[in-house]
C-alpha atoms as a PDB file:
ATOM      1  CA  UNK A   1      -9.147-114.700-116.251  1.00  0.00           C
ATOM      2  CA  UNK A   2     -12.226-111.917-115.846  1.00  0.00           C
ATOM      3  CA  UNK A   3     -15.052-114.335-115.542  1.00  0.00           C
ATOM      4  CA  UNK A   4     -13.244-115.954-112.445  1.00  0.00           C
ATOM      5  CA  UNK A   5     -12.419-112.827-110.833  1.00  0.00           C
ATOM      6  CA  UNK A   6     -16.303-112.059-111.167  1.00  0.00           C
ATOM      7  CA  UNK A   7     -17.335-115.872-109.808  1.00  0.00           C
ATOM      8  CA  UNK A   8     -14.683-114.561-106.824  1.00  0.00           C
ATOM      9  CA  UNK A   9     -15.878-111.576-106.269  1.00  0.00           C
ATOM     10  CA  UNK A  10     -19.433-112.591-106.536  1.00  0.00           C
ATOM     11  CA  UNK A  11     -19.169-115.283-103.653  1.00  0.00           C
ATOM     12  CA  UNK A  12     -16.680-113.130-101.511  1.00  0.00           C
ATOM     13  CA  UNK A  13     -19.969-110.151-101.616  1.00  0.00           C
ATOM     14  CA  UNK A  14     -20.789-111.866 -98.039  1.00  0.00           C
ATOM     15  CA  UNK A  15     -17.519-110.052 -96.772  1.00  0.00           C
ATOM     16  CA  UNK A  16     -19.724-106.956 -97.979  1.00  0.00           C
ATOM     17  CA  UNK A  17     -17.447-103.781 -97.898  1.00  0.00           C
ATOM     18  CA  UNK A  18     -13.698-105.797 -97.678  1.00  0.00           C
ATOM     19  CA  UNK A  19     -14.522-107.986-100.902  1.00  0.00           C
ATOM     20  CA  UNK A  20     -16.139-105.086-102.704  1.00  0.00           C
ATOM     21  CA  UNK A  21     -12.659-103.082-102.419  1.00  0.00           C
ATOM     22  CA  UNK A  22     -10.429-106.019-103.168  1.00  0.00           C
ATOM     23  CA  UNK A  23     -12.879-106.378-106.440  1.00  0.00           C
ATOM     24  CA  UNK A  24     -12.304-103.111-107.399  1.00  0.00           C
ATOM     25  CA  UNK A  25      -8.715-102.482-107.116  1.00  0.00           C
ATOM     26  CA  UNK A  26      -8.445-106.140-108.292  1.00  0.00           C
ATOM     27  CA  UNK A  27     -10.416-104.792-111.641  1.00  0.00           C
ATOM     28  CA  UNK A  28      -8.013-102.003-112.371  1.00  0.00           C
ATOM     29  CA  UNK A  29      -5.293-103.785-111.531  1.00  0.00           C
ATOM     30  CA  UNK A  30      -5.756-106.574-113.872  1.00  0.00           C
ATOM     31  CA  UNK A  31      -7.353-103.935-116.796  1.00  0.00           C
ATOM     32  CA  UNK A  32      -3.580-102.241-116.739  1.00  0.00           C
ATOM     33  CA  UNK A  33      -2.028-105.552-116.402  1.00  0.00           C
ATOM     34  CA  UNK A  34      -4.078-106.873-119.566  1.00  0.00           C
ATOM     35  CA  UNK A  35      -3.306-103.522-121.169  1.00  0.00           C
ATOM     36  CA  UNK A  36       0.533-103.933-121.408  1.00  0.00           C
END
């Protein structure tokens, strides 16, 4: 799952700030979700 997110973020890197924000929030969200 994490690998897919990383690739997704890398492909969206063209969008710059928007993508970075989404990736950061997504990473934190996934981390908390996986912790449960």
